[in-house]
Amino acid sequence: MPGDIFNSKGVGGRSKQHTAYRGQRDYSILPRSPSEALEPERAPEPPRGGGQRPQHPLVVFFNRLMTFLLIVLICVAGLFYLVRRQFDQPGPLAYPTVFVVPHGQGVSAIARRLEQDGIINDRWTFFIASRYFKVHDKIKAGEYNIKVNASLRDVLDTLVEGKSIDHKISFAEGLTSQQIVERLQANPDLEGTITEVPAEGTLLPDTYRFQIGDSRQDIIERMQVGRQKFLAKMWEERDPDIAVQSPEEAVILASIVEKETSRADERLRIASVFENRLKKKMRLQSDPTIIYGLVGGKGVLDHPIQQDELDRDTPYNTYKINGLPPTPIANPGRAAIEAVLKPAKTKDLYFVADGTGGHAFAPSLDEHNKNVVKWRQVERAMREQEREEAEAAAAAGNSSPDGAAPNPSPNGTAPTAGTTSGRLVAPDALLNLRSSAGLSPTLGAASAGEADAAPATPPAVGTGADVPLPRRNPLR
């Protein structure tokens, strides 16, 4: 049968008739469609036990490691790009502000505060930038001005450069150590306490710069070092013929000169008066030494010197003791120290106020007494003007809140010059109302160690222990 011929199978899956009749074409094995004709034949299975050998575990590990490092590098590059972009763009600050970096504060805390204060947008960018540029440990404590829209770079540069706002504290020449400590304690921008008042005369008055948060003790130490250096330098350059024998004695005498005058043009001459007195073994007779013996480091007497106070025995009363007092009576400035170590060459032994804020100098007692007479005339004019002003105030009803006239003084005279707040004929005379180097405590008497000489003029006011002396400038 023909069907039997095509259906019978032979070896290899081919029909016997196909084998027998090679000339005939078998349509049963042709592709059924064009798409089927285009499909590649299935690849033969690889032989069992053949092909590539498996990779070594180390090779696999390094391949994975390189892939990981590549991913990390891409991430770092992206992060760097973002940080760099934020680093230079304007910041959010809408108005100038002041930012304070306390001592010892770390970069992370600084970054957090910058973000909280609205100075930067992101604290982590600031932190990363400070680490990247290796300036995280170079940020300086201080108080800084931050400008409007300051970029993160601007802020970091400002903190690293340390151009902070400077604060100043000034100490006038002639302040005592106690007064200096009180001024430091009252400054709210400084920290810490001073447990011990420095020795008198060991501090150098000057203007000192500091930053908020600096310690008060640090200012004290700077003043001490400044005084030591300056005194050592000036001692090497001193006049070899001066009377003082040591740097310590020089500071003692300089403190007296400092308290005697506020005029720079008089320091050398006043120093020469004390220099000449020391060489002649004369007592210095300086009022500021009496005040220091009474009140010590307080520095200011709250009333004019009384006769009984002048007669009081203290180690500092140069009307009673010979030579220099045991310690300085204040902290002298550079000019006073230099004046003592290089005094003017004069023969002056006396000086008295001249009514203009300065002094009249004299080498002899006779000439000095003439100067005292001139000063007494100034005093009388001052008292007369005070009396006129008091009478005018009483007439106008302005002398007291209830309109009553002021009470007259016990002895019926006008107050002594310097004891009232009225305007004086010579206002500058209040700076130095008497000669501390010489003027006797009794008004009109000779001075400068010559209290037993005849009075130049009769006493202007009553006598006795209650006679007040003209007050010195209370600020000195």
Protein backbone atom coordinates (compact mmCIF):
# COMPACT_ATOMS: atom_id res chain seq x y z
CA MET A 1 0.00 0.00 0.00
CA PRO A 2 1.38 3.43 -0.67
CA GLY A 3 0.49 4.52 2.78
CA ASP A 4 2.41 1.66 4.20
CA ILE A 5 5.40 2.63 2.18
CA PHE A 6 5.46 6.21 3.74
CA ASN A 7 4.58 5.13 7.25
CA SER A 8 7.11 2.38 7.75
CA LYS A 9 10.14 3.61 9.68
CA GLY A 10 13.72 2.69 9.32
CA VAL A 11 16.91 3.39 11.23
CA GLY A 12 17.48 7.04 12.27
CA GLY A 13 13.79 7.89 12.13
CA ARG A 14 13.63 8.03 8.33
CA SER A 15 11.15 5.94 6.33
CA LYS A 16 12.39 2.94 4.46
CA GLN A 17 10.82 4.24 1.31
CA HIS A 18 12.65 7.57 1.72
CA THR A 19 15.81 5.65 1.99
CA ALA A 20 14.93 3.53 -0.92
CA TYR A 21 13.74 6.37 -3.10
CA ARG A 22 16.32 9.14 -2.56
CA GLY A 23 15.18 10.92 -5.60
CA GLN A 24 11.81 11.76 -4.08
CA ARG A 25 11.44 14.84 -1.74
CA ASP A 26 9.99 14.42 1.78
CA TYR A 27 7.67 17.40 2.42
CA SER A 28 6.99 16.34 5.99
CA ILE A 29 10.26 17.84 7.28
CA LEU A 30 10.00 21.25 5.58
CA PRO A 31 9.29 24.45 7.71
CA ARG A 32 5.64 25.17 8.05
CA SER A 33 6.03 29.01 7.82
CA PRO A 34 8.64 31.67 6.87
CA SER A 35 9.14 32.71 10.53
CA GLU A 36 9.87 29.11 11.45
CA ALA A 37 12.41 28.96 8.63
CA LEU A 38 14.21 32.05 10.04
CA GLU A 39 14.53 30.75 13.61
CA PRO A 40 17.97 29.30 14.38
CA GLU A 41 18.18 25.76 15.34
CA ARG A 42 18.65 24.99 19.02
CA ALA A 43 22.29 24.83 20.00
CA PRO A 44 23.50 21.43 20.90
CA GLU A 45 24.04 20.64 24.53
CA PRO A 46 27.67 20.82 25.62
CA PRO A 47 29.22 17.52 26.25
CA ARG A 48 29.22 16.35 29.80
CA GLY A 49 32.50 16.98 31.66
CA GLY A 50 33.73 19.51 29.11
CA GLY A 51 33.91 23.52 29.04
CA GLN A 52 35.78 26.17 31.22
CA ARG A 53 37.04 25.48 34.71
CA PRO A 54 35.32 27.42 37.66
CA GLN A 55 37.01 30.73 38.90
CA HIS A 56 39.17 30.79 42.03
CA PRO A 57 37.45 32.27 45.14
CA LEU A 58 40.08 35.02 45.42
CA VAL A 59 39.39 36.15 41.90
CA VAL A 60 35.69 36.32 42.68
CA PHE A 61 36.41 38.34 45.86
CA PHE A 62 38.60 40.87 44.08
CA ASN A 63 36.07 41.27 41.31
CA ARG A 64 33.37 42.08 43.82
CA LEU A 65 35.72 44.39 45.77
CA MET A 66 36.56 46.41 42.68
CA THR A 67 32.89 46.71 41.86
CA PHE A 68 32.18 47.98 45.39
CA LEU A 69 35.05 50.49 45.27
CA LEU A 70 33.84 51.78 41.95
CA ILE A 71 30.37 52.35 43.38
CA VAL A 72 31.86 54.11 46.44
CA LEU A 73 34.01 56.33 44.22
CA ILE A 74 30.98 57.34 42.21
CA CYS A 75 29.06 58.16 45.41
CA VAL A 76 31.98 60.19 46.83
CA ALA A 77 32.32 62.14 43.62
CA GLY A 78 28.63 62.92 43.67
CA LEU A 79 28.76 63.97 47.33
CA PHE A 80 31.79 66.16 46.68
CA TYR A 81 29.97 67.86 43.83
CA LEU A 82 26.96 68.57 46.05
CA VAL A 83 29.12 69.85 48.93
CA ARG A 84 31.17 72.04 46.62
CA ARG A 85 28.02 73.48 45.14
CA GLN A 86 26.58 74.36 48.56
CA PHE A 87 29.97 75.56 49.82
CA ASP A 88 30.09 78.64 47.61
CA GLN A 89 26.45 79.54 47.20
CA PRO A 90 25.02 82.49 49.22
CA GLY A 91 23.86 81.62 52.71
CA PRO A 92 20.45 82.21 54.28
CA LEU A 93 21.47 85.07 56.61
CA ALA A 94 19.25 88.07 55.87
CA TYR A 95 21.01 90.64 58.10
CA PRO A 96 24.47 91.07 59.66
CA THR A 97 24.92 89.26 62.93
CA VAL A 98 27.52 88.47 65.57
CA PHE A 99 28.50 84.87 66.23
CA VAL A 100 30.44 83.87 69.34
CA VAL A 101 32.74 80.84 69.47
CA PRO A 102 33.44 79.93 73.11
CA HIS A 103 36.74 78.49 74.21
CA GLY A 104 36.98 74.72 73.78
CA GLN A 105 33.86 74.26 71.64
CA GLY A 106 34.18 71.55 68.96
CA VAL A 107 33.44 71.89 65.27
CA SER A 108 30.27 69.79 65.46
CA ALA A 109 28.79 72.03 68.17
CA ILE A 110 29.82 75.13 66.22
CA ALA A 111 28.16 73.76 63.06
CA ARG A 112 24.95 73.00 64.96
CA ARG A 113 24.81 76.54 66.40
CA LEU A 114 25.50 78.09 63.00
CA GLU A 115 22.54 76.17 61.58
CA GLN A 116 20.31 77.09 64.53
CA ASP A 117 21.18 80.78 64.16
CA GLY A 118 20.28 80.70 60.47
CA ILE A 119 23.80 81.48 59.29
CA ILE A 120 24.25 78.29 57.23
CA ASN A 121 21.78 75.90 55.61
CA ASP A 122 23.29 72.58 56.59
CA ARG A 123 25.59 71.81 59.48
CA TRP A 124 26.84 68.56 57.94
CA THR A 125 28.14 70.43 54.91
CA PHE A 126 30.06 72.73 57.26
CA PHE A 127 31.38 69.76 59.22
CA ILE A 128 32.49 67.87 56.09
CA ALA A 129 34.10 70.99 54.62
CA SER A 130 36.07 71.69 57.81
CA ARG A 131 37.35 68.13 57.78
CA TYR A 132 38.12 68.14 54.07
CA PHE A 133 40.18 71.33 54.33
CA LYS A 134 41.72 70.12 57.63
CA VAL A 135 40.76 73.25 59.55
CA HIS A 136 38.42 71.67 62.09
CA ASP A 137 41.04 72.17 64.81
CA LYS A 138 42.01 75.68 63.68
CA ILE A 139 38.76 77.49 64.44
CA LYS A 140 39.57 80.21 66.98
CA ALA A 141 37.45 81.28 69.90
CA GLY A 142 36.11 84.81 69.67
CA GLU A 143 33.29 87.08 68.61
CA TYR A 144 32.81 87.42 64.84
CA ASN A 145 30.86 89.69 62.51
CA ILE A 146 29.01 87.62 59.87
CA LYS A 147 27.87 89.55 56.80
CA VAL A 148 24.56 89.22 54.95
CA ASN A 149 24.22 86.09 52.77
CA ALA A 150 27.67 84.91 53.78
CA SER A 151 28.50 81.65 52.03
CA LEU A 152 29.65 78.65 53.96
CA ARG A 153 33.17 79.33 52.67
CA ASP A 154 32.98 82.91 54.01
CA VAL A 155 31.85 81.72 57.43
CA LEU A 156 34.55 79.06 57.67
CA ASP A 157 37.27 81.48 56.54
CA THR A 158 36.13 84.04 59.11
CA LEU A 159 36.28 81.56 61.99
CA VAL A 160 39.64 80.13 60.91
CA GLU A 161 41.35 83.47 60.28
CA GLY A 162 40.40 84.55 63.79
CA LYS A 163 39.59 88.15 62.88
CA SER A 164 37.21 88.50 65.75
CA ILE A 165 35.73 91.62 67.32
CA ASP A 166 38.25 93.12 69.73
CA HIS A 167 37.14 94.37 73.12
CA LYS A 168 39.20 96.79 75.15
CA ILE A 169 39.62 97.55 78.80
CA SER A 170 41.68 100.52 79.96
CA PHE A 171 43.36 101.17 83.29
CA ALA A 172 44.47 104.69 84.12
CA GLU A 173 47.90 105.28 85.55
CA GLY A 174 47.83 105.59 89.32
CA LEU A 175 45.08 103.05 90.05
CA THR A 176 45.72 100.70 92.93
CA SER A 177 45.75 96.94 92.40
CA GLN A 178 42.45 96.66 94.28
CA GLN A 179 40.83 99.23 91.98
CA ILE A 180 42.10 97.34 88.91
CA VAL A 181 40.73 94.05 90.20
CA GLU A 182 37.35 95.67 90.91
CA ARG A 183 37.22 97.00 87.36
CA LEU A 184 38.03 93.57 85.95
CA GLN A 185 35.41 91.89 88.11
CA ALA A 186 32.78 94.37 86.91
CA ASN A 187 33.43 93.63 83.21
CA PRO A 188 30.71 91.19 82.01
CA ASP A 189 32.65 90.10 78.92
CA LEU A 190 35.39 88.44 80.97
CA GLU A 191 35.19 85.14 82.82
CA GLY A 192 36.65 83.68 85.98
CA THR A 193 37.45 85.29 89.29
CA ILE A 194 40.61 86.79 90.74
CA THR A 195 41.19 85.12 94.07
CA GLU A 196 44.10 87.30 95.20
CA VAL A 197 44.76 91.01 94.70
CA PRO A 198 48.23 91.41 93.14
CA ALA A 199 50.92 93.23 95.07
CA GLU A 200 50.82 97.00 94.72
CA GLY A 201 52.89 98.33 91.86
CA THR A 202 53.20 95.01 89.99
CA LEU A 203 50.67 95.87 87.27
CA LEU A 204 51.27 98.03 84.20
CA PRO A 205 48.36 100.40 83.47
CA ASP A 206 47.47 100.39 79.78
CA THR A 207 44.69 99.50 77.34
CA TYR A 208 44.38 95.75 76.89
CA ARG A 209 42.52 93.98 74.10
CA PHE A 210 40.60 90.81 74.77
CA GLN A 211 37.89 88.61 73.35
CA ILE A 212 34.65 87.56 74.95
CA GLY A 213 35.29 84.62 77.21
CA ASP A 214 38.88 85.53 78.09
CA SER A 215 39.69 85.16 81.76
CA ARG A 216 40.22 88.03 84.16
CA GLN A 217 43.30 86.34 85.55
CA ASP A 218 44.79 86.35 82.06
CA ILE A 219 44.53 90.16 81.95
CA ILE A 220 46.24 90.35 85.35
CA GLU A 221 49.10 88.14 84.15
CA ARG A 222 49.53 90.21 81.00
CA MET A 223 49.75 93.37 83.12
CA GLN A 224 52.34 91.76 85.38
CA VAL A 225 54.49 90.58 82.49
CA GLY A 226 54.23 93.98 80.83
CA ARG A 227 55.42 95.75 83.98
CA GLN A 228 58.31 93.33 84.48
CA LYS A 229 59.58 93.71 80.92
CA PHE A 230 59.29 97.50 80.86
CA LEU A 231 60.91 97.97 84.28
CA ALA A 232 63.80 95.65 83.38
CA LYS A 233 64.43 97.55 80.16
CA MET A 234 64.29 100.98 81.80
CA TRP A 235 66.46 99.92 84.72
CA GLU A 236 69.24 99.06 82.29
CA GLU A 237 68.93 102.54 80.76
CA ARG A 238 68.67 104.45 84.07
CA ASP A 239 70.67 107.48 85.07
CA PRO A 240 73.53 106.09 87.18
CA ASP A 241 73.35 109.01 89.64
CA ILE A 242 69.75 108.51 90.80
CA ALA A 243 68.97 108.06 94.47
CA VAL A 244 66.91 104.87 94.24
CA GLN A 245 68.98 101.74 94.64
CA SER A 246 66.77 99.02 93.12
CA PRO A 247 63.95 98.55 90.61
CA GLU A 248 61.55 98.07 93.53
CA GLU A 249 62.49 101.46 95.00
CA ALA A 250 62.06 103.00 91.56
CA VAL A 251 58.47 101.73 91.38
CA ILE A 252 57.73 103.07 94.89
CA LEU A 253 58.92 106.56 93.98
CA ALA A 254 57.23 106.39 90.56
CA SER A 255 53.91 105.64 92.25
CA ILE A 256 54.26 108.82 94.32
CA VAL A 257 55.14 110.89 91.25
CA GLU A 258 52.16 109.36 89.44
CA LYS A 259 49.76 110.41 92.17
CA GLU A 260 51.22 113.91 92.49
CA THR A 261 50.44 115.16 88.99
CA SER A 262 48.31 114.36 86.00
CA ARG A 263 50.35 116.55 83.69
CA ALA A 264 52.89 114.81 81.51
CA ASP A 265 55.06 117.91 81.22
CA GLU A 266 55.59 118.00 85.00
CA ARG A 267 56.58 114.42 85.77
CA LEU A 268 60.31 114.85 85.15
CA ARG A 269 60.48 117.95 87.33
CA ILE A 270 58.42 116.52 90.17
CA ALA A 271 60.62 113.42 90.05
CA SER A 272 63.64 115.70 90.36
CA VAL A 273 62.15 117.34 93.50
CA PHE A 274 61.82 113.96 95.23
CA GLU A 275 65.21 112.91 93.90
CA ASN A 276 66.84 116.01 95.41
CA ARG A 277 65.01 115.51 98.70
CA LEU A 278 66.16 111.91 98.99
CA LYS A 279 69.75 112.94 98.35
CA LYS A 280 69.51 115.66 101.04
CA LYS A 281 67.84 113.25 103.51
CA MET A 282 64.71 115.42 103.56
CA ARG A 283 61.29 113.89 104.12
CA LEU A 284 59.16 113.56 101.01
CA GLN A 285 55.97 114.96 102.62
CA SER A 286 53.56 113.69 99.97
CA ASP A 287 49.82 113.78 100.64
CA PRO A 288 49.02 110.68 98.53
CA THR A 289 51.18 108.60 100.87
CA ILE A 290 49.05 109.76 103.80
CA ILE A 291 45.87 108.74 101.97
CA TYR A 292 47.26 105.30 101.16
CA GLY A 293 48.24 104.81 104.79
CA LEU A 294 44.65 105.57 105.78
CA VAL A 295 42.62 103.66 103.16
CA GLY A 296 45.12 101.30 101.51
CA GLY A 297 44.07 99.81 98.19
CA LYS A 298 40.77 101.68 98.24
CA GLY A 299 42.85 104.54 96.92
CA VAL A 300 40.43 107.41 97.57
CA LEU A 301 39.71 109.23 100.82
CA ASP A 302 36.05 110.23 101.10
CA HIS A 303 36.89 113.52 102.84
CA PRO A 304 39.70 116.08 102.89
CA ILE A 305 42.75 115.15 104.92
CA GLN A 306 42.30 116.22 108.54
CA GLN A 307 45.03 117.43 110.88
CA ASP A 308 44.74 114.37 113.11
CA GLU A 309 45.10 112.13 110.06
CA LEU A 310 48.20 114.01 109.02
CA ASP A 311 49.66 113.40 112.47
CA ARG A 312 48.74 109.72 112.48
CA ASP A 313 51.64 107.30 112.53
CA THR A 314 51.46 104.91 109.59
CA PRO A 315 54.28 103.26 107.61
CA TYR A 316 53.22 105.39 104.62
CA ASN A 317 53.06 108.83 106.25
CA THR A 318 56.01 110.56 104.58
CA TYR A 319 55.48 113.52 106.90
CA LYS A 320 56.54 111.17 109.69
CA ILE A 321 58.95 108.66 108.13
CA ASN A 322 62.29 109.18 106.44
CA GLY A 323 62.87 108.01 102.91
CA LEU A 324 60.44 105.92 100.88
CA PRO A 325 57.34 104.12 102.15
CA PRO A 326 57.54 100.30 102.34
CA THR A 327 55.59 99.61 99.13
CA PRO A 328 54.23 101.50 96.14
CA ILE A 329 50.99 103.38 96.75
CA ALA A 330 49.60 102.70 93.26
CA ASN A 331 50.52 101.21 89.90
CA PRO A 332 52.58 103.82 88.02
CA GLY A 333 52.56 104.08 84.25
CA ARG A 334 55.48 104.01 81.86
CA ALA A 335 56.04 107.78 81.90
CA ALA A 336 56.26 107.96 85.70
CA ILE A 337 58.72 105.06 85.88
CA GLU A 338 60.87 106.64 83.19
CA ALA A 339 60.73 110.02 84.95
CA VAL A 340 62.09 108.50 88.16
CA LEU A 341 64.87 106.61 86.38
CA LYS A 342 65.79 109.64 84.25
CA PRO A 343 64.72 112.69 86.28
CA ALA A 344 65.26 116.27 85.20
CA LYS A 345 68.42 117.97 86.45
CA THR A 346 67.18 120.72 88.77
CA LYS A 347 67.80 122.11 92.24
CA ASP A 348 64.10 122.24 93.09
CA LEU A 349 63.08 121.13 96.57
CA TYR A 350 59.52 122.48 96.74
CA PHE A 351 56.40 122.75 94.63
CA VAL A 352 52.93 124.09 95.23
CA ALA A 353 49.77 124.36 93.11
CA ASP A 354 49.70 127.42 90.89
CA GLY A 355 45.95 127.62 90.28
CA THR A 356 46.06 126.39 86.67
CA GLY A 357 46.25 122.66 87.32
CA GLY A 358 50.03 122.72 87.45
CA HIS A 359 52.65 123.56 90.04
CA ALA A 360 55.10 126.31 90.84
CA PHE A 361 58.58 124.97 91.67
CA ALA A 362 61.24 126.50 93.90
CA PRO A 363 64.79 125.59 94.95
CA SER A 364 64.62 127.58 98.22
CA LEU A 365 62.16 128.09 101.04
CA ASP A 366 61.94 131.85 100.50
CA GLU A 367 60.96 131.46 96.87
CA HIS A 368 58.58 128.67 97.78
CA ASN A 369 56.82 130.87 100.34
CA LYS A 370 56.25 133.49 97.63
CA ASN A 371 54.61 130.81 95.51
CA VAL A 372 52.48 129.81 98.48
CA VAL A 373 51.26 133.41 98.85
CA LYS A 374 50.16 133.41 95.20
CA TRP A 375 48.33 130.14 95.74
CA ARG A 376 46.57 131.54 98.80
CA GLN A 377 45.28 134.38 96.64
CA VAL A 378 43.84 131.84 94.24
CA GLU A 379 42.27 129.99 97.17
CA ARG A 380 40.66 133.16 98.50
CA ALA A 381 39.24 133.96 95.07
CA MET A 382 37.85 130.44 94.83
CA ARG A 383 36.22 130.71 98.26
CA GLU A 384 34.80 134.11 97.43
CA GLN A 385 33.20 132.84 94.25
CA GLU A 386 31.81 129.82 96.11
CA ARG A 387 30.32 132.14 98.70
CA GLU A 388 28.69 134.30 96.01
CA GLU A 389 27.26 131.30 94.27
CA ALA A 390 25.90 129.92 97.54
CA GLU A 391 24.23 133.24 98.32
CA ALA A 392 22.75 133.46 94.83
CA ALA A 393 21.44 129.92 95.09
CA ALA A 394 19.89 130.68 98.48
CA ALA A 395 18.20 133.78 97.12
CA ALA A 396 16.78 131.86 94.20
CA GLY A 397 15.52 129.08 96.45
CA ASN A 398 17.58 126.49 94.57
CA SER A 399 19.97 125.55 97.31
CA SER A 400 17.81 122.67 98.57
CA PRO A 401 14.65 120.77 97.50
CA ASP A 402 12.48 122.74 99.97
CA GLY A 403 13.97 126.08 99.00
CA ALA A 404 15.82 126.58 102.28
CA ALA A 405 19.17 128.32 102.31
CA PRO A 406 22.23 126.19 102.98
CA ASN A 407 23.50 125.90 106.51
CA PRO A 408 26.52 128.11 107.15
CA SER A 409 29.78 126.51 108.11
CA PRO A 410 30.48 126.21 111.86
CA ASN A 411 33.05 129.01 111.89
CA GLY A 412 30.97 131.31 109.70
CA THR A 413 33.23 131.13 106.69
CA ALA A 414 32.77 129.64 103.28
CA PRO A 415 33.77 126.01 102.73
CA THR A 416 37.37 125.34 101.95
CA ALA A 417 38.25 125.10 98.26
CA GLY A 418 37.49 121.71 96.87
CA THR A 419 34.86 120.76 99.44
CA THR A 420 31.82 121.93 97.49
CA SER A 421 30.50 121.13 94.06
CA GLY A 422 30.25 124.76 92.87
CA ARG A 423 32.11 126.15 89.91
CA LEU A 424 35.54 127.47 90.89
CA VAL A 425 37.60 130.34 89.55
CA ALA A 426 40.23 127.87 88.36
CA PRO A 427 38.57 124.49 87.83
CA ASP A 428 41.86 122.83 86.93
CA ALA A 429 43.20 123.70 90.33
CA LEU A 430 41.13 120.87 91.78
CA LEU A 431 43.56 118.44 90.20
CA ASN A 432 46.32 119.54 92.56
CA LEU A 433 45.07 121.85 95.30
CA ARG A 434 48.18 121.76 97.43
CA SER A 435 51.81 120.79 97.29
CA SER A 436 52.14 117.28 98.57
CA ALA A 437 55.87 117.56 98.44
CA GLY A 438 55.92 120.48 100.77
CA LEU A 439 52.80 122.39 101.76
CA SER A 440 52.15 122.28 105.48
CA PRO A 441 48.75 120.94 106.58
CA THR A 442 47.95 124.25 108.29
CA LEU A 443 46.79 126.70 105.66
CA GLY A 444 49.33 129.45 105.07
CA ALA A 445 52.26 127.72 106.75
CA ALA A 446 55.54 126.91 105.07
CA SER A 447 55.91 123.46 103.65
CA ALA A 448 58.17 120.65 102.44
CA GLY A 449 59.74 119.79 105.75
CA GLU A 450 59.81 123.39 106.94
CA ALA A 451 56.62 123.48 109.02
CA ASP A 452 58.50 125.29 111.80
CA ALA A 453 59.14 128.31 109.57
CA ALA A 454 57.12 131.50 109.92
CA PRO A 455 53.72 131.36 108.20
CA ALA A 456 53.55 133.08 104.86
CA THR A 457 50.01 134.35 105.57
CA PRO A 458 47.57 134.04 108.46
CA PRO A 459 45.40 130.93 108.40
CA ALA A 460 42.44 131.40 106.10
CA VAL A 461 40.05 129.40 108.27
CA GLY A 462 39.97 128.22 111.86
CA THR A 463 42.73 126.22 113.49
CA GLY A 464 42.76 122.91 115.26
CA ALA A 465 42.23 119.27 114.39
CA ASP A 466 38.98 119.99 112.55
CA VAL A 467 40.57 122.19 109.90
CA PRO A 468 40.02 120.45 106.57
CA LEU A 469 42.68 120.49 103.89
CA PRO A 470 41.75 121.16 100.25
CA ARG A 471 40.62 117.97 98.62
CA ARG A 472 42.63 116.37 95.82
CA ASN A 473 41.09 115.17 92.63
CA PRO A 474 39.00 112.20 93.86
CA LEU A 475 39.66 110.31 90.61
CA ARG A 476 43.33 110.15 91.42
